[in-house]
Amino acid sequence: MAGEGEVIACHTLDVWNEKVKDANESKKLIVIDFTASWCPPCRFIAPVFADMAKKFTNVVFFKIDVDELQSVAQEFKVEAMPTFVFMKEGEIVDRVVGAAKDDIHEKLMKHGGLIASA
């Protein structure tokens, strides 16, 4: 897995399957950002999401481009971008649709994200 504090970008199905399996086995909270290069709100939230990854080091952060991995987006029933899916041990526990950083932060806290001490 990527180092703590990083967003793992998955560009192929093989990489996604390997990385999400490792993340599920870690029993950590997983947050997946379903994004698209042509989506202005996605571009807006990307640096905020990366900053959250640095702060919540006990959470695994993924980024999936829906145009690259359409099958993964369909599997998670993504209908709008950005969509953030929260998972624990393979089960979806929450989701946020839209670039709503306060909602994302709230869900991180709710599902066990701990802010790393500075």
N, C-alpha and C. Protein backbone atom coordinates (compact mmCIF):
# COMPACT_ATOMS: atom_id res chain seq x y z
N MET A 1 0.84 -1.19 0.00
CA MET A 1 0.00 0.00 0.00
C MET A 1 0.88 1.24 0.00
N ALA A 2 0.29 2.33 -0.42
CA ALA A 2 1.02 3.60 -0.40
C ALA A 2 1.31 3.98 1.05
N GLY A 3 2.23 4.89 1.21
CA GLY A 3 2.57 5.33 2.54
C GLY A 3 1.41 6.08 3.17
N GLU A 4 1.46 6.18 4.48
CA GLU A 4 0.41 6.93 5.19
C GLU A 4 0.41 8.36 4.70
N GLY A 5 -0.78 8.93 4.64
CA GLY A 5 -0.89 10.33 4.27
C GLY A 5 -0.95 10.57 2.78
N GLU A 6 -1.07 9.50 2.00
CA GLU A 6 -1.14 9.63 0.55
C GLU A 6 -2.50 9.17 0.03
N VAL A 7 -2.88 9.73 -1.13
CA VAL A 7 -4.06 9.24 -1.84
C VAL A 7 -3.56 8.24 -2.88
N ILE A 8 -4.13 7.05 -2.86
CA ILE A 8 -3.74 6.01 -3.81
C ILE A 8 -4.59 6.15 -5.06
N ALA A 9 -3.95 6.50 -6.16
CA ALA A 9 -4.65 6.62 -7.44
C ALA A 9 -4.57 5.28 -8.16
N CYS A 10 -5.72 4.72 -8.52
CA CYS A 10 -5.77 3.43 -9.22
C CYS A 10 -6.20 3.68 -10.66
N HIS A 11 -5.34 3.24 -11.60
CA HIS A 11 -5.62 3.48 -13.01
C HIS A 11 -5.96 2.21 -13.78
N THR A 12 -5.77 1.05 -13.13
CA THR A 12 -6.13 -0.22 -13.78
C THR A 12 -6.91 -1.06 -12.78
N LEU A 13 -7.70 -1.98 -13.32
CA LEU A 13 -8.52 -2.87 -12.49
C LEU A 13 -7.63 -3.75 -11.61
N ASP A 14 -6.50 -4.22 -12.16
CA ASP A 14 -5.59 -5.07 -11.38
C ASP A 14 -5.05 -4.33 -10.17
N VAL A 15 -4.62 -3.09 -10.38
CA VAL A 15 -4.08 -2.29 -9.27
C VAL A 15 -5.17 -2.04 -8.24
N TRP A 16 -6.37 -1.67 -8.70
CA TRP A 16 -7.49 -1.44 -7.78
C TRP A 16 -7.78 -2.67 -6.94
N ASN A 17 -7.91 -3.82 -7.60
CA ASN A 17 -8.24 -5.06 -6.88
C ASN A 17 -7.18 -5.39 -5.83
N GLU A 18 -5.91 -5.24 -6.18
CA GLU A 18 -4.82 -5.53 -5.25
C GLU A 18 -4.83 -4.56 -4.07
N LYS A 19 -4.93 -3.26 -4.37
CA LYS A 19 -4.85 -2.24 -3.32
C LYS A 19 -6.06 -2.27 -2.38
N VAL A 20 -7.25 -2.48 -2.94
CA VAL A 20 -8.44 -2.48 -2.08
C VAL A 20 -8.47 -3.75 -1.22
N LYS A 21 -7.95 -4.85 -1.75
CA LYS A 21 -7.85 -6.08 -0.94
C LYS A 21 -6.93 -5.84 0.25
N ASP A 22 -5.77 -5.23 0.01
CA ASP A 22 -4.83 -4.92 1.09
C ASP A 22 -5.48 -3.98 2.11
N ALA A 23 -6.19 -2.98 1.61
CA ALA A 23 -6.83 -2.00 2.51
C ALA A 23 -7.91 -2.66 3.35
N ASN A 24 -8.73 -3.53 2.74
CA ASN A 24 -9.76 -4.23 3.49
C ASN A 24 -9.16 -5.11 4.57
N GLU A 25 -8.05 -5.78 4.25
CA GLU A 25 -7.40 -6.66 5.22
C GLU A 25 -6.80 -5.87 6.38
N SER A 26 -6.48 -4.59 6.15
CA SER A 26 -5.92 -3.75 7.20
C SER A 26 -6.98 -3.36 8.24
N LYS A 27 -8.25 -3.56 7.88
CA LYS A 27 -9.40 -3.22 8.73
C LYS A 27 -9.53 -1.71 8.98
N LYS A 28 -8.79 -0.90 8.21
CA LYS A 28 -8.89 0.56 8.33
C LYS A 28 -10.11 1.05 7.57
N LEU A 29 -10.55 2.25 7.93
CA LEU A 29 -11.58 2.92 7.16
C LEU A 29 -10.99 3.25 5.79
N ILE A 30 -11.79 3.05 4.74
CA ILE A 30 -11.39 3.33 3.36
C ILE A 30 -12.31 4.41 2.83
N VAL A 31 -11.74 5.41 2.15
CA VAL A 31 -12.53 6.43 1.49
C VAL A 31 -12.12 6.45 0.02
N ILE A 32 -13.09 6.30 -0.86
CA ILE A 32 -12.83 6.29 -2.30
C ILE A 32 -13.44 7.54 -2.91
N ASP A 33 -12.60 8.32 -3.59
CA ASP A 33 -13.02 9.51 -4.31
C ASP A 33 -13.23 9.12 -5.77
N PHE A 34 -14.49 9.05 -6.19
CA PHE A 34 -14.80 8.80 -7.60
C PHE A 34 -14.84 10.15 -8.30
N THR A 35 -13.92 10.35 -9.24
CA THR A 35 -13.68 11.64 -9.83
C THR A 35 -13.65 11.55 -11.35
N ALA A 36 -13.55 12.69 -12.01
CA ALA A 36 -13.39 12.74 -13.47
C ALA A 36 -12.58 13.99 -13.81
N SER A 37 -11.70 13.86 -14.80
CA SER A 37 -10.82 14.96 -15.15
C SER A 37 -11.60 16.17 -15.68
N TRP A 38 -12.79 15.94 -16.24
CA TRP A 38 -13.59 17.01 -16.84
C TRP A 38 -14.55 17.66 -15.84
N CYS A 39 -14.48 17.28 -14.57
CA CYS A 39 -15.44 17.71 -13.55
C CYS A 39 -14.86 18.83 -12.69
N PRO A 40 -15.34 20.09 -12.84
CA PRO A 40 -14.80 21.20 -12.03
C PRO A 40 -14.89 20.99 -10.51
N PRO A 41 -16.03 20.50 -9.96
CA PRO A 41 -16.05 20.26 -8.51
C PRO A 41 -15.02 19.22 -8.07
N CYS A 42 -14.73 18.26 -8.94
CA CYS A 42 -13.72 17.25 -8.62
C CYS A 42 -12.34 17.89 -8.50
N ARG A 43 -12.05 18.80 -9.42
CA ARG A 43 -10.76 19.50 -9.38
C ARG A 43 -10.67 20.39 -8.14
N PHE A 44 -11.78 20.96 -7.73
CA PHE A 44 -11.83 21.80 -6.54
C PHE A 44 -11.52 20.99 -5.27
N ILE A 45 -12.11 19.82 -5.16
CA ILE A 45 -12.01 19.05 -3.92
C ILE A 45 -10.72 18.21 -3.85
N ALA A 46 -10.06 17.97 -4.97
CA ALA A 46 -8.87 17.10 -4.99
C ALA A 46 -7.79 17.52 -3.99
N PRO A 47 -7.38 18.80 -3.94
CA PRO A 47 -6.36 19.16 -2.95
C PRO A 47 -6.87 19.07 -1.51
N VAL A 48 -8.16 19.28 -1.30
CA VAL A 48 -8.75 19.15 0.04
C VAL A 48 -8.69 17.68 0.47
N PHE A 49 -9.03 16.78 -0.45
CA PHE A 49 -9.00 15.33 -0.19
C PHE A 49 -7.57 14.90 0.13
N ALA A 50 -6.59 15.41 -0.64
CA ALA A 50 -5.19 15.08 -0.40
C ALA A 50 -4.75 15.58 0.98
N ASP A 51 -5.23 16.75 1.38
CA ASP A 51 -4.91 17.29 2.69
C ASP A 51 -5.52 16.43 3.80
N MET A 52 -6.74 15.94 3.58
CA MET A 52 -7.38 15.05 4.56
C MET A 52 -6.56 13.77 4.71
N ALA A 53 -6.02 13.26 3.60
CA ALA A 53 -5.21 12.04 3.66
C ALA A 53 -3.98 12.25 4.54
N LYS A 54 -3.42 13.45 4.51
CA LYS A 54 -2.25 13.75 5.35
C LYS A 54 -2.64 13.82 6.83
N LYS A 55 -3.86 14.28 7.10
CA LYS A 55 -4.31 14.45 8.49
C LYS A 55 -4.84 13.16 9.10
N PHE A 56 -5.57 12.38 8.30
CA PHE A 56 -6.19 11.14 8.80
C PHE A 56 -5.33 9.95 8.36
N THR A 57 -4.21 9.76 9.04
CA THR A 57 -3.26 8.75 8.60
C THR A 57 -3.71 7.31 8.91
N ASN A 58 -4.78 7.16 9.68
CA ASN A 58 -5.29 5.81 9.96
C ASN A 58 -6.41 5.42 8.99
N VAL A 59 -6.59 6.21 7.93
CA VAL A 59 -7.61 5.96 6.90
C VAL A 59 -6.89 5.76 5.58
N VAL A 60 -7.41 4.84 4.75
CA VAL A 60 -6.84 4.61 3.42
C VAL A 60 -7.68 5.39 2.40
N PHE A 61 -7.02 6.27 1.67
CA PHE A 61 -7.68 7.14 0.70
C PHE A 61 -7.37 6.67 -0.72
N PHE A 62 -8.43 6.48 -1.52
CA PHE A 62 -8.28 6.09 -2.92
C PHE A 62 -8.88 7.15 -3.83
N LYS A 63 -8.34 7.22 -5.05
CA LYS A 63 -8.92 8.07 -6.09
C LYS A 63 -9.12 7.21 -7.32
N ILE A 64 -10.36 7.22 -7.83
CA ILE A 64 -10.72 6.45 -9.02
C ILE A 64 -11.29 7.40 -10.06
N ASP A 65 -10.70 7.42 -11.25
CA ASP A 65 -11.26 8.18 -12.37
C ASP A 65 -12.34 7.32 -13.02
N VAL A 66 -13.56 7.82 -13.03
CA VAL A 66 -14.69 7.02 -13.50
C VAL A 66 -14.57 6.68 -14.99
N ASP A 67 -13.82 7.48 -15.74
CA ASP A 67 -13.64 7.18 -17.16
C ASP A 67 -12.60 6.09 -17.38
N GLU A 68 -11.66 5.96 -16.44
CA GLU A 68 -10.65 4.90 -16.53
C GLU A 68 -11.18 3.57 -16.01
N LEU A 69 -11.93 3.62 -14.92
CA LEU A 69 -12.42 2.39 -14.28
C LEU A 69 -13.94 2.44 -14.15
N GLN A 70 -14.60 2.42 -15.29
CA GLN A 70 -16.07 2.49 -15.31
C GLN A 70 -16.70 1.34 -14.55
N SER A 71 -16.10 0.15 -14.63
CA SER A 71 -16.69 -1.01 -13.96
C SER A 71 -16.69 -0.84 -12.44
N VAL A 72 -15.65 -0.21 -11.90
CA VAL A 72 -15.60 0.03 -10.46
C VAL A 72 -16.65 1.06 -10.07
N ALA A 73 -16.77 2.12 -10.87
CA ALA A 73 -17.79 3.14 -10.61
C ALA A 73 -19.19 2.53 -10.65
N GLN A 74 -19.43 1.62 -11.59
CA GLN A 74 -20.74 0.96 -11.68
C GLN A 74 -20.97 0.04 -10.49
N GLU A 75 -19.93 -0.66 -10.08
CA GLU A 75 -20.03 -1.56 -8.92
C GLU A 75 -20.48 -0.79 -7.67
N PHE A 76 -20.00 0.45 -7.53
CA PHE A 76 -20.34 1.27 -6.37
C PHE A 76 -21.52 2.21 -6.64
N LYS A 77 -22.19 1.99 -7.78
CA LYS A 77 -23.40 2.75 -8.13
C LYS A 77 -23.17 4.26 -8.10
N VAL A 78 -22.05 4.68 -8.67
CA VAL A 78 -21.72 6.10 -8.75
C VAL A 78 -22.48 6.73 -9.91
N GLU A 79 -23.25 7.76 -9.60
CA GLU A 79 -24.07 8.42 -10.62
C GLU A 79 -23.70 9.88 -10.83
N ALA A 80 -22.91 10.45 -9.92
CA ALA A 80 -22.51 11.85 -10.03
C ALA A 80 -21.10 11.98 -9.48
N MET A 81 -20.37 12.98 -9.98
CA MET A 81 -19.03 13.21 -9.51
C MET A 81 -18.94 14.59 -8.87
N PRO A 82 -18.13 14.69 -7.83
CA PRO A 82 -17.46 13.58 -7.15
C PRO A 82 -18.41 12.83 -6.21
N THR A 83 -18.16 11.55 -6.05
CA THR A 83 -18.83 10.74 -5.03
C THR A 83 -17.75 10.14 -4.15
N PHE A 84 -17.96 10.21 -2.86
CA PHE A 84 -17.02 9.66 -1.88
C PHE A 84 -17.71 8.50 -1.18
N VAL A 85 -17.11 7.32 -1.29
CA VAL A 85 -17.66 6.11 -0.67
C VAL A 85 -16.77 5.73 0.50
N PHE A 86 -17.39 5.49 1.65
CA PHE A 86 -16.69 5.11 2.88
C PHE A 86 -16.94 3.63 3.13
N MET A 87 -15.87 2.87 3.33
CA MET A 87 -15.98 1.42 3.52
C MET A 87 -15.17 0.97 4.72
N LYS A 88 -15.68 -0.10 5.33
CA LYS A 88 -14.91 -0.80 6.38
C LYS A 88 -15.03 -2.29 6.11
N GLU A 89 -13.87 -2.93 5.99
CA GLU A 89 -13.80 -4.38 5.78
C GLU A 89 -14.72 -4.85 4.65
N GLY A 90 -14.73 -4.09 3.56
CA GLY A 90 -15.48 -4.48 2.37
C GLY A 90 -16.93 -4.06 2.34
N GLU A 91 -17.42 -3.47 3.42
CA GLU A 91 -18.82 -3.04 3.49
C GLU A 91 -18.91 -1.52 3.39
N ILE A 92 -19.83 -1.04 2.54
CA ILE A 92 -20.05 0.39 2.43
C ILE A 92 -20.77 0.87 3.69
N VAL A 93 -20.19 1.87 4.36
CA VAL A 93 -20.79 2.39 5.59
C VAL A 93 -21.37 3.79 5.40
N ASP A 94 -20.97 4.47 4.32
CA ASP A 94 -21.50 5.82 4.09
C ASP A 94 -21.09 6.31 2.72
N ARG A 95 -21.68 7.44 2.30
CA ARG A 95 -21.26 8.09 1.06
C ARG A 95 -21.62 9.56 1.10
N VAL A 96 -20.86 10.34 0.36
CA VAL A 96 -21.12 11.77 0.18
C VAL A 96 -21.08 12.03 -1.31
N VAL A 97 -22.12 12.67 -1.83
CA VAL A 97 -22.15 13.05 -3.24
C VAL A 97 -21.95 14.56 -3.32
N GLY A 98 -20.95 14.96 -4.09
CA GLY A 98 -20.65 16.39 -4.24
C GLY A 98 -19.39 16.77 -3.49
N ALA A 99 -18.87 17.94 -3.82
CA ALA A 99 -17.61 18.42 -3.23
C ALA A 99 -17.89 19.11 -1.90
N ALA A 100 -18.45 18.35 -0.97
CA ALA A 100 -18.88 18.89 0.33
C ALA A 100 -17.84 18.53 1.38
N LYS A 101 -16.79 19.37 1.51
CA LYS A 101 -15.68 19.00 2.38
C LYS A 101 -16.09 18.84 3.84
N ASP A 102 -17.04 19.63 4.32
CA ASP A 102 -17.48 19.49 5.71
C ASP A 102 -18.18 18.15 5.93
N ASP A 103 -18.98 17.72 4.95
CA ASP A 103 -19.66 16.42 5.05
C ASP A 103 -18.64 15.27 5.04
N ILE A 104 -17.63 15.39 4.17
CA ILE A 104 -16.60 14.36 4.10
C ILE A 104 -15.86 14.28 5.43
N HIS A 105 -15.50 15.42 5.97
CA HIS A 105 -14.79 15.48 7.25
C HIS A 105 -15.64 14.86 8.36
N GLU A 106 -16.93 15.19 8.37
CA GLU A 106 -17.85 14.66 9.38
C GLU A 106 -17.92 13.14 9.31
N LYS A 107 -18.00 12.59 8.09
CA LYS A 107 -18.08 11.13 7.93
C LYS A 107 -16.77 10.47 8.35
N LEU A 108 -15.63 11.13 8.05
CA LEU A 108 -14.35 10.59 8.50
C LEU A 108 -14.32 10.46 10.02
N MET A 109 -14.77 11.50 10.71
CA MET A 109 -14.80 11.48 12.17
C MET A 109 -15.79 10.43 12.68
N LYS A 110 -16.94 10.36 12.05
CA LYS A 110 -18.01 9.44 12.48
C LYS A 110 -17.55 7.98 12.41
N HIS A 111 -16.81 7.66 11.36
CA HIS A 111 -16.46 6.26 11.12
C HIS A 111 -15.05 5.88 11.59
N GLY A 112 -14.50 6.71 12.47
CA GLY A 112 -13.27 6.29 13.13
C GLY A 112 -12.00 6.92 12.64
N GLY A 113 -12.09 7.94 11.81
CA GLY A 113 -10.87 8.61 11.39
C GLY A 113 -10.30 9.41 12.54
N LEU A 114 -9.02 9.27 12.77
CA LEU A 114 -8.35 10.01 13.84
C LEU A 114 -7.37 10.99 13.20
N ILE A 115 -7.45 12.24 13.60
CA ILE A 115 -6.53 13.23 13.06
C ILE A 115 -5.16 13.01 13.70
N ALA A 116 -4.15 12.89 12.85
CA ALA A 116 -2.79 12.70 13.33
C ALA A 116 -2.34 13.95 14.08
N SER A 117 -1.57 13.74 15.13
CA SER A 117 -1.05 14.90 15.85
C SER A 117 0.06 15.54 15.03
N ALA A 118 0.15 16.84 15.12
CA ALA A 118 1.11 17.59 14.29
C ALA A 118 2.54 17.35 14.73
